[in-house]
PDB file of N, CA and C in Angstrom:
ATOM      1  N   UNK A   1      22.156 -24.294  -4.486  1.00  0.00           N
ATOM      2  CA  UNK A   1      21.343 -23.357  -3.720  1.00  0.00           C
ATOM      3  C   UNK A   1      19.970 -23.971  -3.457  1.00  0.00           C
ATOM      4  N   UNK A   2      19.439 -23.691  -2.292  1.00  0.00           N
ATOM      5  CA  UNK A   2      18.087 -24.164  -2.016  1.00  0.00           C
ATOM      6  C   UNK A   2      17.072 -23.101  -2.447  1.00  0.00           C
ATOM      7  N   UNK A   3      15.810 -23.423  -2.269  1.00  0.00           N
ATOM      8  CA  UNK A   3      14.745 -22.512  -2.722  1.00  0.00           C
ATOM      9  C   UNK A   3      14.859 -21.143  -2.058  1.00  0.00           C
ATOM     10  N   UNK A   4      15.156 -21.120  -0.771  1.00  0.00           N
ATOM     11  CA  UNK A   4      15.286 -19.849  -0.062  1.00  0.00           C
ATOM     12  C   UNK A   4      16.464 -19.043  -0.612  1.00  0.00           C
ATOM     13  N   UNK A   5      17.579 -19.703  -0.863  1.00  0.00           N
ATOM     14  CA  UNK A   5      18.751 -19.022  -1.415  1.00  0.00           C
ATOM     15  C   UNK A   5      18.459 -18.487  -2.810  1.00  0.00           C
ATOM     16  N   UNK A   6      17.744 -19.267  -3.606  1.00  0.00           N
ATOM     17  CA  UNK A   6      17.376 -18.816  -4.947  1.00  0.00           C
ATOM     18  C   UNK A   6      16.533 -17.546  -4.879  1.00  0.00           C
ATOM     19  N   UNK A   7      15.578 -17.530  -3.976  1.00  0.00           N
ATOM     20  CA  UNK A   7      14.718 -16.358  -3.824  1.00  0.00           C
ATOM     21  C   UNK A   7      15.511 -15.150  -3.375  1.00  0.00           C
ATOM     22  N   UNK A   8      16.426 -15.369  -2.441  1.00  0.00           N
ATOM     23  CA  UNK A   8      17.242 -14.260  -1.953  1.00  0.00           C
ATOM     24  C   UNK A   8      18.175 -13.749  -3.040  1.00  0.00           C
ATOM     25  N   UNK A   9      18.697 -14.639  -3.845  1.00  0.00           N
ATOM     26  CA  UNK A   9      19.546 -14.226  -4.961  1.00  0.00           C
ATOM     27  C   UNK A   9      18.743 -13.366  -5.941  1.00  0.00           C
ATOM     28  N   UNK A  10      17.541 -13.834  -6.292  1.00  0.00           N
ATOM     29  CA  UNK A  10      16.694 -13.071  -7.218  1.00  0.00           C
ATOM     30  C   UNK A  10      16.322 -11.713  -6.633  1.00  0.00           C
ATOM     31  N   UNK A  11      16.083 -11.678  -5.338  1.00  0.00           N
ATOM     32  CA  UNK A  11      15.773 -10.408  -4.679  1.00  0.00           C
ATOM     33  C   UNK A  11      16.968  -9.459  -4.747  1.00  0.00           C
ATOM     34  N   UNK A  12      18.167  -9.981  -4.534  1.00  0.00           N
ATOM     35  CA  UNK A  12      19.347  -9.118  -4.614  1.00  0.00           C
ATOM     36  C   UNK A  12      19.548  -8.597  -6.032  1.00  0.00           C
ATOM     37  N   UNK A  13      19.293  -9.418  -7.036  1.00  0.00           N
ATOM     38  CA  UNK A  13      19.380  -8.977  -8.430  1.00  0.00           C
ATOM     39  C   UNK A  13      18.332  -7.907  -8.726  1.00  0.00           C
ATOM     40  N   UNK A  14      17.141  -8.085  -8.189  1.00  0.00           N
ATOM     41  CA  UNK A  14      16.057  -7.114  -8.356  1.00  0.00           C
ATOM     42  C   UNK A  14      16.475  -5.751  -7.805  1.00  0.00           C
ATOM     43  N   UNK A  15      17.045  -5.738  -6.602  1.00  0.00           N
ATOM     44  CA  UNK A  15      17.436  -4.469  -5.990  1.00  0.00           C
ATOM     45  C   UNK A  15      18.650  -3.848  -6.663  1.00  0.00           C
ATOM     46  N   UNK A  16      19.477  -4.631  -7.312  1.00  0.00           N
ATOM     47  CA  UNK A  16      20.614  -4.078  -8.048  1.00  0.00           C
ATOM     48  C   UNK A  16      20.143  -3.132  -9.148  1.00  0.00           C
ATOM     49  N   UNK A  17      19.005  -3.443  -9.738  1.00  0.00           N
ATOM     50  CA  UNK A  17      18.475  -2.602 -10.809  1.00  0.00           C
ATOM     51  C   UNK A  17      18.146  -1.213 -10.279  1.00  0.00           C
ATOM     52  N   UNK A  18      17.755  -1.117  -9.025  1.00  0.00           N
ATOM     53  CA  UNK A  18      17.455   0.174  -8.399  1.00  0.00           C
ATOM     54  C   UNK A  18      18.727   0.950  -8.064  1.00  0.00           C
ATOM     55  N   UNK A  19      19.888   0.327  -8.243  1.00  0.00           N
ATOM     56  CA  UNK A  19      21.152   0.930  -7.851  1.00  0.00           C
ATOM     57  C   UNK A  19      21.743   1.898  -8.858  1.00  0.00           C
ATOM     58  N   UNK A  20      21.008   2.244  -9.883  1.00  0.00           N
ATOM     59  CA  UNK A  20      21.503   3.158 -10.909  1.00  0.00           C
ATOM     60  C   UNK A  20      20.659   4.425 -10.912  1.00  0.00           C
ATOM     61  N   UNK A  21      21.305   5.579 -10.820  1.00  0.00           N
ATOM     62  CA  UNK A  21      20.590   6.859 -10.730  1.00  0.00           C
ATOM     63  C   UNK A  21      19.698   7.104 -11.939  1.00  0.00           C
ATOM     64  N   UNK A  22      20.178   6.802 -13.131  1.00  0.00           N
ATOM     65  CA  UNK A  22      19.354   7.029 -14.324  1.00  0.00           C
ATOM     66  C   UNK A  22      18.097   6.170 -14.290  1.00  0.00           C
ATOM     67  N   UNK A  23      18.230   4.916 -13.893  1.00  0.00           N
ATOM     68  CA  UNK A  23      17.048   4.048 -13.822  1.00  0.00           C
ATOM     69  C   UNK A  23      16.073   4.551 -12.764  1.00  0.00           C
ATOM     70  N   UNK A  24      16.591   5.047 -11.641  1.00  0.00           N
ATOM     71  CA  UNK A  24      15.715   5.609 -10.602  1.00  0.00           C
ATOM     72  C   UNK A  24      14.971   6.826 -11.147  1.00  0.00           C
ATOM     73  N   UNK A  25      15.676   7.668 -11.899  1.00  0.00           N
ATOM     74  CA  UNK A  25      15.024   8.847 -12.489  1.00  0.00           C
ATOM     75  C   UNK A  25      13.939   8.427 -13.474  1.00  0.00           C
ATOM     76  N   UNK A  26      14.192   7.399 -14.251  1.00  0.00           N
ATOM     77  CA  UNK A  26      13.181   6.911 -15.205  1.00  0.00           C
ATOM     78  C   UNK A  26      11.971   6.392 -14.444  1.00  0.00           C
ATOM     79  N   UNK A  27      12.187   5.616 -13.407  1.00  0.00           N
ATOM     80  CA  UNK A  27      11.074   5.110 -12.602  1.00  0.00           C
ATOM     81  C   UNK A  27      10.274   6.272 -12.035  1.00  0.00           C
ATOM     82  N   UNK A  28      10.959   7.283 -11.513  1.00  0.00           N
ATOM     83  CA  UNK A  28      10.258   8.456 -10.950  1.00  0.00           C
ATOM     84  C   UNK A  28       9.385   9.126 -12.005  1.00  0.00           C
ATOM     85  N   UNK A  29       9.914   9.276 -13.207  1.00  0.00           N
ATOM     86  CA  UNK A  29       9.153   9.903 -14.284  1.00  0.00           C
ATOM     87  C   UNK A  29       7.916   9.081 -14.640  1.00  0.00           C
ATOM     88  N   UNK A  30       8.053   7.765 -14.574  1.00  0.00           N
ATOM     89  CA  UNK A  30       6.946   6.884 -14.972  1.00  0.00           C
ATOM     90  C   UNK A  30       5.960   6.607 -13.842  1.00  0.00           C
ATOM     91  N   UNK A  31       6.173   7.198 -12.674  1.00  0.00           N
ATOM     92  CA  UNK A  31       5.261   6.953 -11.552  1.00  0.00           C
ATOM     93  C   UNK A  31       3.820   7.328 -11.886  1.00  0.00           C
ATOM     94  N   UNK A  32       3.623   8.384 -12.647  1.00  0.00           N
ATOM     95  CA  UNK A  32       2.279   8.906 -12.843  1.00  0.00           C
ATOM     96  C   UNK A  32       1.708   8.732 -14.242  1.00  0.00           C
ATOM     97  N   UNK A  33       2.579   8.456 -15.222  1.00  0.00           N
ATOM     98  CA  UNK A  33       2.050   8.306 -16.578  1.00  0.00           C
ATOM     99  C   UNK A  33       3.042   7.572 -17.454  1.00  0.00           C
ATOM    100  N   UNK A  34       2.520   7.002 -18.526  1.00  0.00           N
ATOM    101  CA  UNK A  34       3.401   6.355 -19.492  1.00  0.00           C
ATOM    102  C   UNK A  34       3.996   7.417 -20.405  1.00  0.00           C
ATOM    103  N   UNK A  35       5.176   7.118 -20.918  1.00  0.00           N
ATOM    104  CA  UNK A  35       5.866   8.075 -21.776  1.00  0.00           C
ATOM    105  C   UNK A  35       6.650   7.331 -22.843  1.00  0.00           C
ATOM    106  N   UNK A  36       6.906   8.035 -23.939  1.00  0.00           N
ATOM    107  CA  UNK A  36       7.754   7.476 -24.989  1.00  0.00           C
ATOM    108  C   UNK A  36       9.216   7.786 -24.668  1.00  0.00           C
ATOM    109  N   UNK A  37      10.107   7.078 -25.334  1.00  0.00           N
ATOM    110  CA  UNK A  37      11.540   7.247 -25.100  1.00  0.00           C
ATOM    111  C   UNK A  37      11.960   8.696 -25.321  1.00  0.00           C
ATOM    112  N   UNK A  38      11.457   9.312 -26.373  1.00  0.00           N
ATOM    113  CA  UNK A  38      11.879  10.683 -26.681  1.00  0.00           C
ATOM    114  C   UNK A  38      11.494  11.653 -25.564  1.00  0.00           C
ATOM    115  N   UNK A  39      10.320  11.482 -24.975  1.00  0.00           N
ATOM    116  CA  UNK A  39       9.902  12.371 -23.886  1.00  0.00           C
ATOM    117  C   UNK A  39      10.692  12.106 -22.603  1.00  0.00           C
ATOM    118  N   UNK A  40      11.001  10.841 -22.342  1.00  0.00           N
ATOM    119  CA  UNK A  40      11.828  10.519 -21.180  1.00  0.00           C
ATOM    120  C   UNK A  40      13.213  11.137 -21.362  1.00  0.00           C
ATOM    121  N   UNK A  41      13.770  10.984 -22.555  1.00  0.00           N
ATOM    122  CA  UNK A  41      15.102  11.542 -22.847  1.00  0.00           C
ATOM    123  C   UNK A  41      15.109  13.058 -22.669  1.00  0.00           C
ATOM    124  N   UNK A  42      14.064  13.739 -23.165  1.00  0.00           N
ATOM    125  CA  UNK A  42      13.971  15.199 -22.991  1.00  0.00           C
ATOM    126  C   UNK A  42      13.889  15.570 -21.518  1.00  0.00           C
ATOM    127  N   UNK A  43      13.066  14.844 -20.779  1.00  0.00           N
ATOM    128  CA  UNK A  43      12.891  15.133 -19.351  1.00  0.00           C
ATOM    129  C   UNK A  43      14.190  15.008 -18.575  1.00  0.00           C
ATOM    130  N   UNK A  44      15.031  14.055 -18.981  1.00  0.00           N
ATOM    131  CA  UNK A  44      16.282  13.815 -18.268  1.00  0.00           C
ATOM    132  C   UNK A  44      17.480  14.483 -18.936  1.00  0.00           C
ATOM    133  N   UNK A  45      17.219  15.176 -20.058  1.00  0.00           N
ATOM    134  CA  UNK A  45      18.282  15.837 -20.805  1.00  0.00           C
ATOM    135  C   UNK A  45      19.392  14.840 -21.181  1.00  0.00           C
ATOM    136  N   UNK A  46      18.948  13.720 -21.735  1.00  0.00           N
ATOM    137  CA  UNK A  46      19.861  12.644 -22.128  1.00  0.00           C
ATOM    138  C   UNK A  46      19.515  12.189 -23.533  1.00  0.00           C
ATOM    139  N   UNK A  47      20.393  11.426 -24.127  1.00  0.00           N
ATOM    140  CA  UNK A  47      20.160  10.880 -25.452  1.00  0.00           C
ATOM    141  C   UNK A  47      19.182   9.713 -25.412  1.00  0.00           C
ATOM    142  N   UNK A  48      18.472   9.542 -26.526  1.00  0.00           N
ATOM    143  CA  UNK A  48      17.497   8.458 -26.596  1.00  0.00           C
ATOM    144  C   UNK A  48      18.144   7.088 -26.503  1.00  0.00           C
ATOM    145  N   UNK A  49      19.342   6.930 -27.052  1.00  0.00           N
ATOM    146  CA  UNK A  49      19.986   5.615 -27.001  1.00  0.00           C
ATOM    147  C   UNK A  49      20.351   5.242 -25.563  1.00  0.00           C
ATOM    148  N   UNK A  50      20.785   6.218 -24.767  1.00  0.00           N
ATOM    149  CA  UNK A  50      21.100   5.948 -23.356  1.00  0.00           C
ATOM    150  C   UNK A  50      19.844   5.559 -22.589  1.00  0.00           C
ATOM    151  N   UNK A  51      18.751   6.244 -22.869  1.00  0.00           N
ATOM    152  CA  UNK A  51      17.482   5.930 -22.205  1.00  0.00           C
ATOM    153  C   UNK A  51      16.990   4.559 -22.650  1.00  0.00           C
ATOM    154  N   UNK A  52      17.085   4.270 -23.935  1.00  0.00           N
ATOM    155  CA  UNK A  52      16.654   2.955 -24.444  1.00  0.00           C
ATOM    156  C   UNK A  52      17.422   1.825 -23.777  1.00  0.00           C
ATOM    157  N   UNK A  53      18.711   2.033 -23.587  1.00  0.00           N
ATOM    158  CA  UNK A  53      19.540   1.019 -22.923  1.00  0.00           C
ATOM    159  C   UNK A  53      19.031   0.752 -21.501  1.00  0.00           C
ATOM    160  N   UNK A  54      18.758   1.812 -20.764  1.00  0.00           N
ATOM    161  CA  UNK A  54      18.272   1.658 -19.389  1.00  0.00           C
ATOM    162  C   UNK A  54      16.868   1.042 -19.368  1.00  0.00           C
ATOM    163  N   UNK A  55      16.043   1.401 -20.330  1.00  0.00           N
ATOM    164  CA  UNK A  55      14.696   0.822 -20.406  1.00  0.00           C
ATOM    165  C   UNK A  55      14.763  -0.673 -20.691  1.00  0.00           C
ATOM    166  N   UNK A  56      15.728  -1.114 -21.486  1.00  0.00           N
ATOM    167  CA  UNK A  56      15.893  -2.553 -21.742  1.00  0.00           C
ATOM    168  C   UNK A  56      16.196  -3.293 -20.434  1.00  0.00           C
ATOM    169  N   UNK A  57      17.050  -2.699 -19.616  1.00  0.00           N
ATOM    170  CA  UNK A  57      17.370  -3.310 -18.319  1.00  0.00           C
ATOM    171  C   UNK A  57      16.133  -3.341 -17.426  1.00  0.00           C
ATOM    172  N   UNK A  58      15.394  -2.247 -17.391  1.00  0.00           N
ATOM    173  CA  UNK A  58      14.177  -2.185 -16.577  1.00  0.00           C
ATOM    174  C   UNK A  58      13.122  -3.182 -17.068  1.00  0.00           C
ATOM    175  N   UNK A  59      13.011  -3.345 -18.375  1.00  0.00           N
ATOM    176  CA  UNK A  59      12.063  -4.334 -18.933  1.00  0.00           C
ATOM    177  C   UNK A  59      12.490  -5.746 -18.596  1.00  0.00           C
ATOM    178  N   UNK A  60      13.772  -6.031 -18.731  1.00  0.00           N
ATOM    179  CA  UNK A  60      14.286  -7.378 -18.445  1.00  0.00           C
ATOM    180  C   UNK A  60      14.061  -7.760 -16.984  1.00  0.00           C
ATOM    181  N   UNK A  61      14.004  -6.763 -16.110  1.00  0.00           N
ATOM    182  CA  UNK A  61      13.773  -6.990 -14.685  1.00  0.00           C
ATOM    183  C   UNK A  61      12.301  -6.877 -14.313  1.00  0.00           C
ATOM    184  N   UNK A  62      11.444  -6.744 -15.304  1.00  0.00           N
ATOM    185  CA  UNK A  62       9.987  -6.622 -15.109  1.00  0.00           C
ATOM    186  C   UNK A  62       9.604  -5.419 -14.254  1.00  0.00           C
ATOM    187  N   UNK A  63      10.368  -4.334 -14.408  1.00  0.00           N
ATOM    188  CA  UNK A  63      10.016  -3.101 -13.700  1.00  0.00           C
ATOM    189  C   UNK A  63       9.196  -2.160 -14.569  1.00  0.00           C
ATOM    190  N   UNK A  64       9.385  -2.219 -15.868  1.00  0.00           N
ATOM    191  CA  UNK A  64       8.564  -1.433 -16.792  1.00  0.00           C
ATOM    192  C   UNK A  64       8.028  -2.349 -17.885  1.00  0.00           C
ATOM    193  N   UNK A  65       6.982  -1.888 -18.505  1.00  0.00           N
ATOM    194  CA  UNK A  65       6.404  -2.600 -19.655  1.00  0.00           C
ATOM    195  C   UNK A  65       6.272  -1.620 -20.801  1.00  0.00           C
ATOM    196  N   UNK A  66       6.097  -2.150 -21.987  1.00  0.00           N
ATOM    197  CA  UNK A  66       6.016  -1.311 -23.179  1.00  0.00           C
ATOM    198  C   UNK A  66       4.687  -1.562 -23.879  1.00  0.00           C
ATOM    199  N   UNK A  67       4.150  -0.487 -24.420  1.00  0.00           N
ATOM    200  CA  UNK A  67       2.937  -0.563 -25.242  1.00  0.00           C
ATOM    201  C   UNK A  67       3.282   0.066 -26.577  1.00  0.00           C
ATOM    202  N   UNK A  68       3.086  -0.687 -27.636  1.00  0.00           N
ATOM    203  CA  UNK A  68       3.389  -0.189 -28.981  1.00  0.00           C
ATOM    204  C   UNK A  68       2.157   0.500 -29.557  1.00  0.00           C
ATOM    205  N   UNK A  69       2.427   1.637 -30.209  1.00  0.00           N
ATOM    206  CA  UNK A  69       1.378   2.354 -30.931  1.00  0.00           C
ATOM    207  C   UNK A  69       1.999   2.754 -32.262  1.00  0.00           C
ATOM    208  N   UNK A  70       1.804   1.920 -33.266  1.00  0.00           N
ATOM    209  CA  UNK A  70       2.479   2.132 -34.538  1.00  0.00           C
ATOM    210  C   UNK A  70       3.961   1.912 -34.349  1.00  0.00           C
ATOM    211  N   UNK A  71       4.758   2.909 -34.758  1.00  0.00           N
ATOM    212  CA  UNK A  71       6.214   2.809 -34.592  1.00  0.00           C
ATOM    213  C   UNK A  71       6.683   3.290 -33.231  1.00  0.00           C
ATOM    214  N   UNK A  72       5.796   3.926 -32.492  1.00  0.00           N
ATOM    215  CA  UNK A  72       6.184   4.503 -31.213  1.00  0.00           C
ATOM    216  C   UNK A  72       5.932   3.518 -30.073  1.00  0.00           C
ATOM    217  N   UNK A  73       6.834   3.526 -29.094  1.00  0.00           N
ATOM    218  CA  UNK A  73       6.725   2.678 -27.912  1.00  0.00           C
ATOM    219  C   UNK A  73       6.521   3.553 -26.686  1.00  0.00           C
ATOM    220  N   UNK A  74       5.553   3.187 -25.876  1.00  0.00           N
ATOM    221  CA  UNK A  74       5.256   3.917 -24.656  1.00  0.00           C
ATOM    222  C   UNK A  74       5.551   3.027 -23.463  1.00  0.00           C
ATOM    223  N   UNK A  75       6.263   3.580 -22.499  1.00  0.00           N
ATOM    224  CA  UNK A  75       6.695   2.826 -21.332  1.00  0.00           C
ATOM    225  C   UNK A  75       5.929   3.260 -20.095  1.00  0.00           C
ATOM    226  N   UNK A  76       5.653   2.291 -19.236  1.00  0.00           N
ATOM    227  CA  UNK A  76       4.998   2.553 -17.956  1.00  0.00           C
ATOM    228  C   UNK A  76       5.551   1.561 -16.939  1.00  0.00           C
ATOM    229  N   UNK A  77       5.289   1.822 -15.666  1.00  0.00           N
ATOM    230  CA  UNK A  77       5.714   0.877 -14.640  1.00  0.00           C
ATOM    231  C   UNK A  77       4.946  -0.418 -14.828  1.00  0.00           C
ATOM    232  N   UNK A  78       5.593  -1.526 -14.537  1.00  0.00           N
ATOM    233  CA  UNK A  78       4.973  -2.827 -14.765  1.00  0.00           C
ATOM    234  C   UNK A  78       3.742  -3.043 -13.905  1.00  0.00           C
ATOM    235  N   UNK A  79       3.798  -2.632 -12.639  1.00  0.00           N
ATOM    236  CA  UNK A  79       2.634  -2.750 -11.767  1.00  0.00           C
ATOM    237  C   UNK A  79       2.797  -1.831 -10.558  1.00  0.00           C
ATOM    238  N   UNK A  80       1.814  -1.840  -9.686  1.00  0.00           N
ATOM    239  CA  UNK A  80       1.830  -0.945  -8.523  1.00  0.00           C
ATOM    240  C   UNK A  80       2.909  -1.313  -7.504  1.00  0.00           C
ATOM    241  N   UNK A  81       3.413  -2.556  -7.559  1.00  0.00           N
ATOM    242  CA  UNK A  81       4.485  -2.927  -6.637  1.00  0.00           C
ATOM    243  C   UNK A  81       5.705  -2.034  -6.826  1.00  0.00           C
ATOM    244  N   UNK A  82       6.004  -1.698  -8.060  1.00  0.00           N
ATOM    245  CA  UNK A  82       7.178  -0.876  -8.348  1.00  0.00           C
ATOM    246  C   UNK A  82       7.009   0.505  -7.726  1.00  0.00           C
ATOM    247  N   UNK A  83       5.834   1.068  -7.881  1.00  0.00           N
ATOM    248  CA  UNK A  83       5.541   2.376  -7.281  1.00  0.00           C
ATOM    249  C   UNK A  83       5.662   2.299  -5.759  1.00  0.00           C
ATOM    250  N   UNK A  84       5.151   1.229  -5.170  1.00  0.00           N
ATOM    251  CA  UNK A  84       5.210   1.052  -3.720  1.00  0.00           C
ATOM    252  C   UNK A  84       6.655   0.938  -3.239  1.00  0.00           C
ATOM    253  N   UNK A  85       7.463   0.131  -3.934  1.00  0.00           N
ATOM    254  CA  UNK A  85       8.871  -0.040  -3.556  1.00  0.00           C
ATOM    255  C   UNK A  85       9.606   1.298  -3.651  1.00  0.00           C
ATOM    256  N   UNK A  86       9.386   2.017  -4.742  1.00  0.00           N
ATOM    257  CA  UNK A  86      10.026   3.320  -4.929  1.00  0.00           C
ATOM    258  C   UNK A  86       9.622   4.279  -3.805  1.00  0.00           C
ATOM    259  N   UNK A  87       8.317   4.384  -3.569  1.00  0.00           N
ATOM    260  CA  UNK A  87       7.821   5.326  -2.562  1.00  0.00           C
ATOM    261  C   UNK A  87       8.277   4.960  -1.152  1.00  0.00           C
ATOM    262  N   UNK A  88       8.298   3.670  -0.819  1.00  0.00           N
ATOM    263  CA  UNK A  88       8.769   3.256   0.504  1.00  0.00           C
ATOM    264  C   UNK A  88      10.258   3.548   0.677  1.00  0.00           C
ATOM    265  N   UNK A  89      11.029   3.305  -0.367  1.00  0.00           N
ATOM    266  CA  UNK A  89      12.457   3.623  -0.308  1.00  0.00           C
ATOM    267  C   UNK A  89      12.685   5.107  -0.103  1.00  0.00           C
ATOM    268  N   UNK A  90      11.960   5.919  -0.851  1.00  0.00           N
ATOM    269  CA  UNK A  90      12.088   7.368  -0.725  1.00  0.00           C
ATOM    270  C   UNK A  90      11.640   7.839   0.662  1.00  0.00           C
ATOM    271  N   UNK A  91      10.542   7.269   1.146  1.00  0.00           N
ATOM    272  CA  UNK A  91      10.062   7.613   2.488  1.00  0.00           C
ATOM    273  C   UNK A  91      11.118   7.273   3.541  1.00  0.00           C
ATOM    274  N   UNK A  92      11.756   6.132   3.402  1.00  0.00           N
ATOM    275  CA  UNK A  92      12.792   5.715   4.341  1.00  0.00           C
ATOM    276  C   UNK A  92      13.971   6.700   4.314  1.00  0.00           C
ATOM    277  N   UNK A  93      14.388   7.096   3.116  1.00  0.00           N
ATOM    278  CA  UNK A  93      15.494   8.040   2.973  1.00  0.00           C
ATOM    279  C   UNK A  93      15.135   9.390   3.586  1.00  0.00           C
ATOM    280  N   UNK A  94      13.926   9.868   3.320  1.00  0.00           N
ATOM    281  CA  UNK A  94      13.511  11.173   3.839  1.00  0.00           C
ATOM    282  C   UNK A  94      13.374  11.130   5.361  1.00  0.00           C
ATOM    283  N   UNK A  95      12.935  10.000   5.890  1.00  0.00           N
ATOM    284  CA  UNK A  95      12.832   9.847   7.342  1.00  0.00           C
ATOM    285  C   UNK A  95      14.224   9.935   7.971  1.00  0.00           C
ATOM    286  N   UNK A  96      15.183   9.319   7.342  1.00  0.00           N
ATOM    287  CA  UNK A  96      16.555   9.384   7.825  1.00  0.00           C
ATOM    288  C   UNK A  96      17.109  10.792   7.792  1.00  0.00           C
ATOM    289  N   UNK A  97      16.761  11.527   6.748  1.00  0.00           N
ATOM    290  CA  UNK A  97      17.221  12.915   6.643  1.00  0.00           C
ATOM    291  C   UNK A  97      16.633  13.774   7.743  1.00  0.00           C
ATOM    292  N   UNK A  98      15.363  13.526   8.092  1.00  0.00           N
ATOM    293  CA  UNK A  98      14.713  14.300   9.146  1.00  0.00           C
ATOM    294  C   UNK A  98      15.430  14.064  10.471  1.00  0.00           C
ATOM    295  N   UNK A  99      15.889  12.832  10.686  1.00  0.00           N
ATOM    296  CA  UNK A  99      16.614  12.542  11.919  1.00  0.00           C
ATOM    297  C   UNK A  99      17.954  13.257  11.983  1.00  0.00           C
ATOM    298  N   UNK A 100      18.592  13.474  10.809  1.00  0.00           N
ATOM    299  CA  UNK A 100      19.875  14.171  10.784  1.00  0.00           C
ATOM    300  C   UNK A 100      19.691  15.674  10.998  1.00  0.00           C
ATOM    301  N   UNK A 101      18.528  16.188  10.648  1.00  0.00           N
ATOM    302  CA  UNK A 101      18.301  17.629  10.758  1.00  0.00           C
ATOM    303  C   UNK A 101      18.042  18.060  12.209  1.00  0.00           C
ATOM    304  N   UNK A 102      17.724  17.140  13.090  1.00  0.00           N
ATOM    305  CA  UNK A 102      17.400  17.503  14.480  1.00  0.00           C
ATOM    306  C   UNK A 102      18.590  17.999  15.238  1.00  0.00           C
TER     307      UNK A 102
END
């Protein structure tokens, strides 16, 4: 693969992470504030182990970061790019819906 192909491959892997509903819900929750696993799990009515698994994937893809405070871990979006990508995707979807409603 050449440099361009490598970049495109990495981009496709990056977008695959957005392809899971639970991960999208976690990103949405973290748009405005950092949260611990237990609070994310409560918000989504899911088990902490399921949320932890998804957070590991999000961390490995550099979409979220963790801040330790004693034994507790707090998660937040890695940077503003993630918020921008999420919001642009949602805006695109909502724009499409408006066109269907006409």
